[in-house]
C-alpha atoms as a PDB file:
ATOM      1  CA  MET A   1      31.182-186.742  48.398  1.00  0.00           C
ATOM      2  CA  LEU A   2      31.530-186.139  52.115  1.00  0.00           C
ATOM      3  CA  ARG A   3      35.232-186.904  52.081  1.00  0.00           C
ATOM      4  CA  LYS A   4      35.827-184.390  49.316  1.00  0.00           C
ATOM      5  CA  GLU A   5      33.717-181.679  50.990  1.00  0.00           C
ATOM      6  CA  GLU A   6      35.213-181.982  54.462  1.00  0.00           C
ATOM      7  CA  PRO A   7      38.756-180.770  53.637  1.00  0.00           C
ATOM      8  CA  ARG A   8      37.317-177.778  51.792  1.00  0.00           C
ATOM      9  CA  CYS A   9      35.206-176.719  54.755  1.00  0.00           C
ATOM     10  CA  TYR A  10      38.140-177.088  57.131  1.00  0.00           C
ATOM     11  CA  GLN A  11      40.457-175.120  54.871  1.00  0.00           C
ATOM     12  CA  GLU A  12      38.052-172.216  54.392  1.00  0.00           C
ATOM     13  CA  LEU A  13      37.255-171.793  58.067  1.00  0.00           C
ATOM     14  CA  SER A  14      40.839-172.019  59.238  1.00  0.00           C
ATOM     15  CA  ASP A  15      42.125-169.471  56.680  1.00  0.00           C
ATOM     16  CA  GLU A  16      39.418-166.978  57.474  1.00  0.00           C
ATOM     17  CA  ASP A  17      39.892-167.343  61.207  1.00  0.00           C
ATOM     18  CA  TYR A  18      43.591-166.628  61.052  1.00  0.00           C
ATOM     19  CA  ILE A  19      43.358-163.875  58.475  1.00  0.00           C
ATOM     20  CA  GLN A  20      40.428-162.091  60.082  1.00  0.00           C
ATOM     21  CA  GLY A  21      41.450-162.491  63.711  1.00  0.00           C
ATOM     22  CA  PRO A  22      38.783-160.365  65.427  1.00  0.00           C
ATOM     23  CA  ALA A  23      35.755-162.505  64.436  1.00  0.00           C
ATOM     24  CA  PRO A  24      33.115-162.239  67.188  1.00  0.00           C
ATOM     25  CA  TYR A  25      32.536-165.248  69.328  1.00  0.00           C
ATOM     26  CA  GLN A  26      28.792-164.883  69.213  1.00  0.00           C
ATOM     27  CA  HIS A  27      28.771-165.650  65.517  1.00  0.00           C
ATOM     28  CA  THR A  28      30.109-169.208  66.021  1.00  0.00           C
ATOM     29  CA  THR A  29      26.535-170.452  66.336  1.00  0.00           C
ATOM     30  CA  ASP A  30      25.986-169.409  62.716  1.00  0.00           C
ATOM     31  CA  PHE A  31      28.315-172.139  61.647  1.00  0.00           C
ATOM     32  CA  ALA A  32      26.510-174.962  63.508  1.00  0.00           C
ATOM     33  CA  GLN A  33      24.890-176.234  60.351  1.00  0.00           C
ATOM     34  CA  GLU A  34      28.162-176.147  58.438  1.00  0.00           C
ATOM     35  CA  GLU A  35      30.028-177.879  61.276  1.00  0.00           C
ATOM     36  CA  ALA A  36      27.393-180.600  61.233  1.00  0.00           C
ATOM     37  CA  SER A  37      28.105-181.241  57.564  1.00  0.00           C
ATOM     38  CA  CYS A  38      31.883-181.014  58.106  1.00  0.00           C
ATOM     39  CA  ASP A  39      32.507-183.790  60.585  1.00  0.00           C
ATOM     40  CA  ALA A  40      36.231-183.890  59.953  1.00  0.00           C
ATOM     41  CA  VAL A  41      36.867-180.385  61.305  1.00  0.00           C
ATOM     42  CA  PRO A  42      39.239-180.624  64.304  1.00  0.00           C
ATOM     43  CA  ASP A  43      38.193-179.538  67.782  1.00  0.00           C
ATOM     44  CA  GLU A  44      41.098-177.049  68.042  1.00  0.00           C
ATOM     45  CA  ASP A  45      39.302-174.647  65.602  1.00  0.00           C
ATOM     46  CA  SER A  46      36.510-173.849  68.038  1.00  0.00           C
ATOM     47  CA  GLY A  47      39.047-172.937  70.736  1.00  0.00           C
ATOM     48  CA  SER A  48      41.111-170.650  68.477  1.00  0.00           C
ATOM     49  CA  MET A  49      38.208-168.265  67.771  1.00  0.00           C
ATOM     50  CA  PRO A  50      37.834-166.954  71.361  1.00  0.00           C
ATOM     51  CA  ILE A  51      41.611-166.369  71.497  1.00  0.00           C
ATOM     52  CA  ALA A  52      41.500-164.341  68.274  1.00  0.00           C
ATOM     53  CA  PHE A  53      38.461-162.451  69.576  1.00  0.00           C
ATOM     54  CA  ASN A  54      40.272-161.566  72.823  1.00  0.00           C
ATOM     55  CA  LYS A  55      43.289-160.273  70.916  1.00  0.00           C
ATOM     56  CA  ALA A  56      41.116-158.127  68.675  1.00  0.00           C
ATOM     57  CA  CYS A  57      39.253-156.705  71.700  1.00  0.00           C
ATOM     58  CA  LEU A  58      42.509-155.912  73.420  1.00  0.00           C
ATOM     59  CA  ARG A  59      43.795-154.147  70.334  1.00  0.00           C
ATOM     60  CA  ASN A  60      40.621-152.078  70.023  1.00  0.00           C
ATOM     61  CA  VAL A  61      40.585-151.178  73.714  1.00  0.00           C
ATOM     62  CA  PHE A  62      44.266-150.245  73.608  1.00  0.00           C
ATOM     63  CA  THR A  63      43.660-148.075  70.539  1.00  0.00           C
ATOM     64  CA  ILE A  64      40.732-146.311  72.206  1.00  0.00           C
ATOM     65  CA  ILE A  65      42.812-145.677  75.335  1.00  0.00           C
ATOM     66  CA  LEU A  66      45.605-144.186  73.212  1.00  0.00           C
ATOM     67  CA  VAL A  67      43.124-141.945  71.415  1.00  0.00           C
ATOM     68  CA  LEU A  68      41.727-140.732  74.753  1.00  0.00           C
ATOM     69  CA  ILE A  69      45.242-140.075  76.056  1.00  0.00           C
ATOM     70  CA  TYR A  70      46.084-138.066  72.969  1.00  0.00           C
ATOM     71  CA  LEU A  71      42.829-136.129  73.302  1.00  0.00           C
ATOM     72  CA  VAL A  72      43.745-135.245  76.893  1.00  0.00           C
ATOM     73  CA  LEU A  73      47.226-134.196  75.797  1.00  0.00           C
ATOM     74  CA  THR A  74      45.707-132.123  73.008  1.00  0.00           C
ATOM     75  CA  THR A  75      43.436-130.363  75.502  1.00  0.00           C
ATOM     76  CA  VAL A  76      46.388-129.646  77.779  1.00  0.00           C
ATOM     77  CA  ALA A  77      48.431-128.340  74.836  1.00  0.00           C
ATOM     78  CA  ALA A  78      45.586-126.044  73.755  1.00  0.00           C
ATOM     79  CA  PHE A  79      45.218-124.716  77.304  1.00  0.00           C
ATOM     80  CA  LEU A  80      48.985-124.150  77.488  1.00  0.00           C
ATOM     81  CA  ALA A  81      48.896-122.193  74.227  1.00  0.00           C
ATOM     82  CA  TYR A  82      46.013-120.033  75.495  1.00  0.00           C
ATOM     83  CA  GLN A  83      47.773-119.432  78.819  1.00  0.00           C
ATOM     84  CA  THR A  84      51.043-118.531  77.086  1.00  0.00           C
ATOM     85  CA  ILE A  85      49.354-115.992  74.828  1.00  0.00           C
ATOM     86  CA  SER A  86      47.395-114.538  77.777  1.00  0.00           C
ATOM     87  CA  ASP A  87      50.562-114.139  79.879  1.00  0.00           C
ATOM     88  CA  PHE A  88      52.369-112.493  76.981  1.00  0.00           C
ATOM     89  CA  MET A  89      49.565-109.978  76.425  1.00  0.00           C
ATOM     90  CA  GLU A  90      49.349-109.289  80.180  1.00  0.00           C
ATOM     91  CA  LYS A  91      53.078-108.572  80.440  1.00  0.00           C
ATOM     92  CA  LEU A  92      52.954-106.498  77.285  1.00  0.00           C
ATOM     93  CA  SER A  93      50.157-104.282  78.594  1.00  0.00           C
ATOM     94  CA  HIS A  94      51.603-103.996  82.135  1.00  0.00           C
ATOM     95  CA  PRO A  95      55.349-103.321  81.898  1.00  0.00           C
ATOM     96  CA  VAL A  96      57.593-103.388  84.943  1.00  0.00           C
ATOM     97  CA  MET A  97      59.033-100.111  86.204  1.00  0.00           C
ATOM     98  CA  SER A  98      62.821 -99.957  86.464  1.00  0.00           C
ATOM     99  CA  VAL A  99      64.377 -97.272  88.684  1.00  0.00           C
ATOM    100  CA  SER A 100      67.974 -96.131  88.268  1.00  0.00           C
ATOM    101  CA  TYR A 101      70.011 -93.136  89.451  1.00  0.00           C
ATOM    102  CA  LYS A 102      72.315 -91.046  87.289  1.00  0.00           C
ATOM    103  CA  GLU A 103      74.939 -88.870  88.940  1.00  0.00           C
ATOM    104  CA  VAL A 104      75.593 -85.442  87.399  1.00  0.00           C
ATOM    105  CA  GLU A 105      78.081 -82.656  88.026  1.00  0.00           C
ATOM    106  CA  GLU A 106      75.488 -79.934  87.585  1.00  0.00           C
ATOM    107  CA  PHE A 107      71.849 -79.591  86.632  1.00  0.00           C
ATOM    108  CA  ALA A 108      70.270 -77.603  83.875  1.00  0.00           C
ATOM    109  CA  PRO A 109      68.799 -74.489  85.547  1.00  0.00           C
ATOM    110  CA  PRO A 110      65.144 -75.162  86.339  1.00  0.00           C
ATOM    111  CA  GLY A 111      62.421 -72.573  86.088  1.00  0.00           C
ATOM    112  CA  ILE A 112      60.929 -71.280  89.347  1.00  0.00           C
ATOM    113  CA  ALA A 113      57.660 -69.454  88.754  1.00  0.00           C
ATOM    114  CA  LEU A 114      56.527 -67.415  91.774  1.00  0.00           C
ATOM    115  CA  TYR A 115      53.116 -65.788  92.116  1.00  0.00           C
ATOM    116  CA  PRO A 116      53.677 -63.013  94.685  1.00  0.00           C
ATOM    117  CA  GLY A 117      50.359 -61.278  94.191  1.00  0.00           C
ATOM    118  CA  ASN A 118      50.560 -58.013  96.123  1.00  0.00           C
ATOM    119  CA  ALA A 119      53.899 -58.943  97.707  1.00  0.00           C
ATOM    120  CA  GLN A 120      57.056 -57.132  96.663  1.00  0.00           C
ATOM    121  CA  LEU A 121      60.367 -58.822  95.926  1.00  0.00           C
ATOM    122  CA  LEU A 122      63.084 -57.482  98.199  1.00  0.00           C
ATOM    123  CA  SER A 123      66.033 -59.567  97.071  1.00  0.00           C
ATOM    124  CA  CYS A 124      67.075 -62.647  95.138  1.00  0.00           C
ATOM    125  CA  ARG A 125      70.640 -63.814  95.743  1.00  0.00           C
ATOM    126  CA  HIS A 126      72.798 -66.833  94.935  1.00  0.00           C
ATOM    127  CA  HIS A 127      74.709 -68.359  97.826  1.00  0.00           C
ATOM    128  CA  TYR A 128      76.903 -71.426  98.248  1.00  0.00           C
ATOM    129  CA  HIS A 129      77.687 -74.057 100.843  1.00  0.00           C
ATOM    130  CA  ASP A 130      74.418 -73.553 102.709  1.00  0.00           C
ATOM    131  CA  HIS A 131      75.509 -70.138 103.928  1.00  0.00           C
ATOM    132  CA  ILE A 132      72.775 -67.509 104.151  1.00  0.00           C
ATOM    133  CA  PRO A 133      73.546 -64.001 105.461  1.00  0.00           C
ATOM    134  CA  SER A 134      71.365 -62.291 108.038  1.00  0.00           C
ATOM    135  CA  GLY A 135      67.971 -61.068 106.824  1.00  0.00           C
ATOM    136  CA  LEU A 136      67.221 -57.518 105.905  1.00  0.00           C
ATOM    137  CA  SER A 137      64.293 -55.390 106.959  1.00  0.00           C
ATOM    138  CA  ALA A 138      61.194 -54.869 104.940  1.00  0.00           C
ATOM    139  CA  CYS A 139      62.127 -51.255 104.282  1.00  0.00           C
ATOM    140  CA  GLN A 140      65.350 -52.084 102.462  1.00  0.00           C
ATOM    141  CA  MET A 141      65.894 -53.235  98.927  1.00  0.00           C
ATOM    142  CA  GLU A 142      68.907 -55.214  97.877  1.00  0.00           C
ATOM    143  CA  GLU A 143      70.366 -55.665  94.443  1.00  0.00           C
ATOM    144  CA  SER A 144      69.532 -59.061  93.011  1.00  0.00           C
ATOM    145  CA  ASP A 145      71.912 -61.257  91.048  1.00  0.00           C
ATOM    146  CA  CYS A 146      69.242 -63.666  89.749  1.00  0.00           C
ATOM    147  CA  VAL A 147      68.058 -63.991  86.193  1.00  0.00           C
ATOM    148  CA  MET A 148      64.313 -63.426  86.212  1.00  0.00           C
ATOM    149  CA  GLU A 149      61.479 -62.477  83.904  1.00  0.00           C
ATOM    150  CA  GLU A 150      57.893 -61.436  84.487  1.00  0.00           C
ATOM    151  CA  VAL A 151      55.111 -63.104  82.491  1.00  0.00           C
ATOM    152  CA  ILE A 152      51.428 -62.142  82.568  1.00  0.00           C
ATOM    153  CA  TYR A 153      48.898 -64.605  81.221  1.00  0.00           C
ATOM    154  CA  HIS A 154      45.313 -65.744  81.680  1.00  0.00           C
ATOM    155  CA  ASP A 155      44.464 -68.481  84.125  1.00  0.00           C
ATOM    156  CA  PRO A 156      44.140 -71.775  82.161  1.00  0.00           C
ATOM    157  CA  TYR A 157      41.050 -72.683  84.195  1.00  0.00           C
ATOM    158  CA  SER A 158      39.443 -69.226  84.143  1.00  0.00           C
ATOM    159  CA  ASN A 159      39.978 -66.880  81.218  1.00  0.00           C
ATOM    160  CA  HIS A 160      38.638 -63.934  83.232  1.00  0.00           C
ATOM    161  CA  THR A 161      41.551 -64.056  85.707  1.00  0.00           C
ATOM    162  CA  ARG A 162      44.954 -62.610  84.871  1.00  0.00           C
ATOM    163  CA  LYS A 163      47.996 -63.997  86.661  1.00  0.00           C
ATOM    164  CA  ARG A 164      51.418 -62.447  87.133  1.00  0.00           C
ATOM    165  CA  ALA A 165      54.306 -64.890  87.356  1.00  0.00           C
ATOM    166  CA  LEU A 166      57.845 -63.955  88.332  1.00  0.00           C
ATOM    167  CA  VAL A 167      60.008 -66.625  86.675  1.00  0.00           C
ATOM    168  CA  VAL A 168      63.469 -67.069  88.218  1.00  0.00           C
ATOM    169  CA  GLU A 169      66.361 -69.137  86.900  1.00  0.00           C
ATOM    170  CA  GLY A 170      67.103 -71.885  89.425  1.00  0.00           C
ATOM    171  CA  PRO A 171      70.440 -73.135  90.843  1.00  0.00           C
ATOM    172  CA  THR A 172      72.759 -75.416  88.859  1.00  0.00           C
ATOM    173  CA  ASP A 173      75.948 -76.123  90.843  1.00  0.00           C
ATOM    174  CA  VAL A 174      74.942 -79.035  93.028  1.00  0.00           C
ATOM    175  CA  ARG A 175      78.534 -79.904  94.039  1.00  0.00           C
ATOM    176  CA  ASN A 176      79.070 -76.562  95.755  1.00  0.00           C
ATOM    177  CA  ARG A 177      75.547 -76.619  97.190  1.00  0.00           C
ATOM    178  CA  GLU A 178      74.370 -73.573  95.330  1.00  0.00           C
ATOM    179  CA  LEU A 179      71.095 -72.096  96.552  1.00  0.00           C
ATOM    180  CA  ILE A 180      68.818 -69.171  95.772  1.00  0.00           C
ATOM    181  CA  PHE A 181      67.462 -67.099  98.623  1.00  0.00           C
ATOM    182  CA  LEU A 182      64.420 -64.882  97.969  1.00  0.00           C
ATOM    183  CA  GLN A 183      62.731 -62.393 100.271  1.00  0.00           C
ATOM    184  CA  PHE A 184      59.322 -60.806  99.830  1.00  0.00           C
ATOM    185  CA  SER A 185      57.439 -58.139 101.718  1.00  0.00           C
ATOM    186  CA  GLN A 186      53.686 -57.683 101.793  1.00  0.00           C
ATOM    187  CA  ASN A 187      51.639 -54.882 103.303  1.00  0.00           C
ATOM    188  CA  GLU A 188      48.519 -55.473 105.333  1.00  0.00           C
ATOM    189  CA  THR A 189      46.073 -57.726 103.577  1.00  0.00           C
ATOM    190  CA  GLU A 190      42.435 -58.534 104.148  1.00  0.00           C
ATOM    191  CA  GLU A 191      42.985 -62.241 103.442  1.00  0.00           C
ATOM    192  CA  ASN A 192      42.727 -64.742 106.276  1.00  0.00           C
ATOM    193  CA  PHE A 193      45.810 -66.658 105.132  1.00  0.00           C
ATOM    194  CA  SER A 194      48.885 -65.128 103.579  1.00  0.00           C
ATOM    195  CA  ALA A 195      51.046 -67.269 101.336  1.00  0.00           C
ATOM    196  CA  ILE A 196      52.906 -67.119  98.033  1.00  0.00           C
ATOM    197  CA  SER A 197      52.464 -69.867  95.470  1.00  0.00           C
ATOM    198  CA  TYR A 198      55.258 -71.208  93.299  1.00  0.00           C
ATOM    199  CA  MET A 199      55.748 -73.774  90.553  1.00  0.00           C
ATOM    200  CA  LEU A 200      58.803 -75.666  89.274  1.00  0.00           C
ATOM    201  CA  PHE A 201      59.291 -76.677  85.639  1.00  0.00           C
ATOM    202  CA  ALA A 202      62.057 -78.505  83.796  1.00  0.00           C
ATOM    203  CA  GLN A 203      64.276 -75.832  82.278  1.00  0.00           C
ATOM    204  CA  PHE A 204      64.336 -72.075  82.462  1.00  0.00           C
ATOM    205  CA  SER A 205      65.627 -71.905  78.881  1.00  0.00           C
ATOM    206  CA  ASP A 206      62.415 -73.506  77.613  1.00  0.00           C
ATOM    207  CA  MET A 207      60.530 -70.414  78.693  1.00  0.00           C
ATOM    208  CA  THR A 208      63.047 -67.891  77.344  1.00  0.00           C
ATOM    209  CA  LYS A 209      63.163 -69.640  73.948  1.00  0.00           C
ATOM    210  CA  SER A 210      59.411 -69.880  73.663  1.00  0.00           C
ATOM    211  CA  MET A 211      57.797 -67.608  71.076  1.00  0.00           C
ATOM    212  CA  ASN A 212      54.556 -67.458  73.077  1.00  0.00           C
ATOM    213  CA  LYS A 213      55.499 -67.192  76.734  1.00  0.00           C
ATOM    214  CA  PRO A 214      51.961 -66.761  78.126  1.00  0.00           C
ATOM    215  CA  ALA A 215      50.849 -69.947  76.372  1.00  0.00           C
ATOM    216  CA  PHE A 216      53.951 -71.719  77.653  1.00  0.00           C
ATOM    217  CA  MET A 217      53.163 -70.732  81.240  1.00  0.00           C
ATOM    218  CA  LYS A 218      49.561 -71.880  80.822  1.00  0.00           C
ATOM    219  CA  ASP A 219      50.762 -75.303  79.679  1.00  0.00           C
ATOM    220  CA  CYS A 220      53.177 -75.508  82.596  1.00  0.00           C
ATOM    221  CA  GLU A 221      50.415 -74.730  85.057  1.00  0.00           C
ATOM    222  CA  ARG A 222      48.308 -77.520  83.564  1.00  0.00           C
ATOM    223  CA  ASN A 223      51.114 -80.086  83.774  1.00  0.00           C
ATOM    224  CA  TYR A 224      53.011 -79.192  86.958  1.00  0.00           C
ATOM    225  CA  SER A 225      51.984 -78.969  90.591  1.00  0.00           C
ATOM    226  CA  MET A 226      51.668 -75.825  92.696  1.00  0.00           C
ATOM    227  CA  TRP A 227      53.156 -75.332  96.162  1.00  0.00           C
ATOM    228  CA  THR A 228      53.069 -72.488  98.670  1.00  0.00           C
ATOM    229  CA  PHE A 229      55.200 -70.972 101.419  1.00  0.00           C
ATOM    230  CA  SER A 230      53.840 -68.874 104.242  1.00  0.00           C
ATOM    231  CA  GLY A 231      54.831 -65.521 105.653  1.00  0.00           C
ATOM    232  CA  GLY A 232      56.803 -65.201 108.877  1.00  0.00           C
ATOM    233  CA  PHE A 233      58.775 -68.375 108.146  1.00  0.00           C
ATOM    234  CA  ARG A 234      61.831 -69.387 106.182  1.00  0.00           C
ATOM    235  CA  THR A 235      60.882 -72.258 103.907  1.00  0.00           C
ATOM    236  CA  TRP A 236      63.829 -74.336 102.666  1.00  0.00           C
ATOM    237  CA  VAL A 237      62.947 -76.298  99.530  1.00  0.00           C
ATOM    238  CA  LYS A 238      65.257 -79.125  98.418  1.00  0.00           C
ATOM    239  CA  MET A 239      64.499 -80.289  94.894  1.00  0.00           C
ATOM    240  CA  SER A 240      65.063 -83.613  93.168  1.00  0.00           C
ATOM    241  CA  LEU A 241      64.459 -84.500  89.532  1.00  0.00           C
ATOM    242  CA  VAL A 242      62.616 -87.582  88.265  1.00  0.00           C
ATOM    243  CA  ARG A 243      62.523 -88.476  84.579  1.00  0.00           C
ATOM    244  CA  THR A 244      59.979 -91.046  83.465  1.00  0.00           C
ATOM    245  CA  SER A 245      60.174 -92.613  80.019  1.00  0.00           C
ATOM    246  CA  GLY A 246      58.167 -95.324  78.371  1.00  0.00           C
ATOM    247  CA  ARG A 247      55.876 -96.079  75.423  1.00  0.00           C
ATOM    248  CA  GLY A 248      57.287 -93.305  73.291  1.00  0.00           C
ATOM    249  CA  ASN A 249      56.864 -90.395  75.727  1.00  0.00           C
ATOM    250  CA  GLU A 250      59.046 -88.811  78.377  1.00  0.00           C
ATOM    251  CA  SER A 251      58.065 -86.647  81.311  1.00  0.00           C
ATOM    252  CA  VAL A 252      59.925 -84.684  83.967  1.00  0.00           C
ATOM    253  CA  GLU A 253      58.715 -84.407  87.531  1.00  0.00           C
ATOM    254  CA  PHE A 254      60.045 -82.388  90.454  1.00  0.00           C
ATOM    255  CA  ARG A 255      59.959 -83.843  93.917  1.00  0.00           C
ATOM    256  CA  GLN A 256      60.732 -81.684  96.888  1.00  0.00           C
ATOM    257  CA  GLU A 257      61.380 -81.794 100.573  1.00  0.00           C
ATOM    258  CA  SER A 258      60.708 -78.652 102.551  1.00  0.00           C
ATOM    259  CA  SER A 259      61.537 -77.563 106.053  1.00  0.00           C
ATOM    260  CA  VAL A 260      60.077 -74.513 107.812  1.00  0.00           C
ATOM    261  CA  VAL A 261      61.806 -72.316 110.389  1.00  0.00           C
ATOM    262  CA  LYS A 262      60.070 -69.468 112.248  1.00  0.00           C
ATOM    263  CA  TYR A 263      61.415 -65.995 111.655  1.00  0.00           C
ATOM    264  CA  ASN A 264      62.163 -64.047 114.829  1.00  0.00           C
ATOM    265  CA  ASP A 265      60.837 -60.641 113.949  1.00  0.00           C
ATOM    266  CA  ARG A 266      62.644 -57.968 115.977  1.00  0.00           C
ATOM    267  CA  ARG A 267      61.193 -54.999 114.154  1.00  0.00           C
ATOM    268  CA  SER A 268      58.984 -52.400 115.700  1.00  0.00           C
ATOM    269  CA  THR A 269      55.237 -52.862 115.853  1.00  0.00           C
ATOM    270  CA  GLN A 270      54.741 -50.397 113.033  1.00  0.00           C
ATOM    271  CA  GLU A 271      57.168 -52.242 110.761  1.00  0.00           C
ATOM    272  CA  GLN A 272      55.684 -55.638 111.557  1.00  0.00           C
ATOM    273  CA  ARG A 273      52.590 -54.672 109.595  1.00  0.00           C
ATOM    274  CA  ASN A 274      54.647 -55.548 106.545  1.00  0.00           C
ATOM    275  CA  GLU A 275      54.809 -59.324 106.521  1.00  0.00           C
ATOM    276  CA  LEU A 276      58.035 -60.970 105.382  1.00  0.00           C
ATOM    277  CA  PHE A 277      58.388 -64.127 103.283  1.00  0.00           C
ATOM    278  CA  PHE A 278      61.593 -66.125 102.993  1.00  0.00           C
ATOM    279  CA  VAL A 279      62.203 -69.069 100.674  1.00  0.00           C
ATOM    280  CA  VAL A 280      65.319 -71.033  99.698  1.00  0.00           C
ATOM    281  CA  PHE A 281      65.651 -73.280  96.642  1.00  0.00           C
ATOM    282  CA  GLN A 282      68.431 -75.865  96.500  1.00  0.00           C
ATOM    283  CA  TRP A 283      69.150 -79.242  94.893  1.00  0.00           C
ATOM    284  CA  LYS A 284      68.887 -82.155  97.287  1.00  0.00           C
ATOM    285  CA  ASP A 285      71.633 -84.371  95.775  1.00  0.00           C
ATOM    286  CA  PRO A 286      73.528 -84.819  92.481  1.00  0.00           C
ATOM    287  CA  PHE A 287      71.366 -87.721  91.318  1.00  0.00           C
ATOM    288  CA  ILE A 288      68.634 -87.838  88.699  1.00  0.00           C
ATOM    289  CA  GLN A 289      66.098 -90.587  89.248  1.00  0.00           C
ATOM    290  CA  GLN A 290      65.272 -92.309  85.970  1.00  0.00           C
ATOM    291  CA  VAL A 291      62.138 -94.435  85.764  1.00  0.00           C
ATOM    292  CA  LYS A 292      61.707 -96.639  82.702  1.00  0.00           C
ATOM    293  CA  ASP A 293      59.000 -99.058  81.668  1.00  0.00           C
ATOM    294  CA  ILE A 294      60.467-102.471  80.836  1.00  0.00           C
ATOM    295  CA  VAL A 295      58.449-105.127  79.049  1.00  0.00           C
ATOM    296  CA  THR A 296      59.373-108.483  80.583  1.00  0.00           C
ATOM    297  CA  ALA A 297      57.487-110.497  77.965  1.00  0.00           C
ATOM    298  CA  ASN A 298      59.948-112.302  75.688  1.00  0.00           C
ATOM    299  CA  PRO A 299      58.400-112.914  72.253  1.00  0.00           C
ATOM    300  CA  TRP A 300      60.976-115.581  71.333  1.00  0.00           C
ATOM    301  CA  ASN A 301      60.100-117.743  74.330  1.00  0.00           C
ATOM    302  CA  THR A 302      56.428-117.394  73.496  1.00  0.00           C
ATOM    303  CA  VAL A 303      57.009-118.341  69.852  1.00  0.00           C
ATOM    304  CA  ALA A 304      59.068-121.390  70.869  1.00  0.00           C
ATOM    305  CA  ILE A 305      56.375-122.599  73.270  1.00  0.00           C
ATOM    306  CA  LEU A 306      53.638-122.100  70.681  1.00  0.00           C
ATOM    307  CA  CYS A 307      55.653-123.980  68.042  1.00  0.00           C
ATOM    308  CA  GLY A 308      56.015-126.925  70.407  1.00  0.00           C
ATOM    309  CA  VAL A 309      52.325-126.817  71.270  1.00  0.00           C
ATOM    310  CA  PHE A 310      51.217-126.705  67.621  1.00  0.00           C
ATOM    311  CA  MET A 311      53.586-129.530  66.742  1.00  0.00           C
ATOM    312  CA  ALA A 312      52.087-131.649  69.514  1.00  0.00           C
ATOM    313  CA  LEU A 313      48.586-130.793  68.276  1.00  0.00           C
ATOM    314  CA  PHE A 314      49.529-131.795  64.733  1.00  0.00           C
ATOM    315  CA  LYS A 315      51.032-135.114  65.867  1.00  0.00           C
ATOM    316  CA  ALA A 316      48.019-135.860  68.029  1.00  0.00           C
ATOM    317  CA  ALA A 317      45.600-135.078  65.203  1.00  0.00           C
ATOM    318  CA  ASN A 318      47.604-137.222  62.788  1.00  0.00           C
ATOM    319  CA  PHE A 319      47.712-140.152  65.218  1.00  0.00           C
ATOM    320  CA  ALA A 320      43.983-139.879  65.910  1.00  0.00           C
ATOM    321  CA  LYS A 321      43.231-139.829  62.183  1.00  0.00           C
ATOM    322  CA  LEU A 322      45.376-142.918  61.530  1.00  0.00           C
ATOM    323  CA  SER A 323      43.841-144.745  64.479  1.00  0.00           C
ATOM    324  CA  ILE A 324      40.321-144.028  63.293  1.00  0.00           C
ATOM    325  CA  LYS A 325      41.204-145.134  59.765  1.00  0.00           C
ATOM    326  CA  TRP A 326      42.677-148.366  61.129  1.00  0.00           C
ATOM    327  CA  MET A 327      39.568-149.059  63.216  1.00  0.00           C
ATOM    328  CA  ILE A 328      37.313-148.419  60.201  1.00  0.00           C
ATOM    329  CA  LYS A 329      39.456-150.723  58.083  1.00  0.00           C
ATOM    330  CA  ILE A 330      39.269-153.500  60.686  1.00  0.00           C
ATOM    331  CA  ARG A 331      35.519-153.032  60.942  1.00  0.00           C
ATOM    332  CA  LYS A 332      35.049-153.273  57.181  1.00  0.00           C
ATOM    333  CA  ARG A 333      37.215-156.402  57.030  1.00  0.00           C
ATOM    334  CA  HIS A 334      35.185-157.942  59.811  1.00  0.00           C
ATOM    335  CA  LEU A 335      31.934-157.195  57.965  1.00  0.00           C
ATOM    336  CA  ARG A 336      33.284-158.694  54.724  1.00  0.00           C
ATOM    337  CA  THR A 337      34.325-161.844  56.563  1.00  0.00           C
ATOM    338  CA  LYS A 338      30.963-162.092  58.250  1.00  0.00           C
ATOM    339  CA  ASN A 339      29.150-161.712  54.924  1.00  0.00           C
ATOM    340  CA  ARG A 340      31.403-164.328  53.368  1.00  0.00           C
ATOM    341  CA  GLU A 341      30.655-166.784  56.175  1.00  0.00           C
ATOM    342  CA  LEU A 342      26.929-166.130  55.855  1.00  0.00           C
ATOM    343  CA  ASN A 343      27.133-166.748  52.128  1.00  0.00           C
ATOM    344  CA  GLN A 344      28.925-170.016  52.747  1.00  0.00           C
ATOM    345  CA  VAL A 345      26.283-171.117  55.262  1.00  0.00           C
ATOM    346  CA  SER A 346      23.494-170.226  52.876  1.00  0.00           C
END
């Protein structure tokens, strides 16, 4: 009976050891009783079990390390996706300003709105090539060759105040250095400071074509800046045009450089009671500054990066799922083998 039982015990243990592989070494003591009854089992079988156990441990450790590496890569990919979307939204909400200059032969005539108050307009003349004739006295009037229109409207910030604006058509021929020279005279005033305010807006034709000119002037005063020039001086204003476009709207802004020269008043003391104002309007150069908002965010680059990130996330999730399934399968096989061995011992 012993001779017939011994080969069976040897065959069962050897097949299970090589099929199962990762059988724990600590369970070898469970087979002490069976090894005692199976004297013909070779000594090499007890040495093969630790080798199989070491291989199984190495496989499990290697699998766990791979899963951890893929989890780290998944975290990095998720952070990269978040950073890419954040950068895209930041560039989209903060576009870069691009500045370019466009050269023109002539400008559209701007509107020059002057608020003389109690001052009287003496003359308004067009001149060229920076040549201005000698001034005239406050007692003389000179025929004007400017296109002008007077508009009376309510102050946009105080409806109880009426304002009188003298709107003059500005210069156009920048190549020949066209300029407009205006002179005003004002009698004695009780004010501590004497000055005349003025405002520049985009085109004189916008005002002439407007059906409601007072409302148009009120809107201009809300949107454009006011400047002043003082009496007893010649103020030379050089204008430049800036057009800003972006996000569906476009605006026009006037920038100016002014220089002031003192007027040498040679009139008599009686005539000097009438204060004189001199102002010159001229284009600075034949260039229009164009400012545009440019969005530097490229949606195609962002989409490509996100596609790569999501593909990496999918591959990592798939690998992790397969690894976990494989580990569960190995664990179940190990438990079945252990139960089988226990049943054989019992």
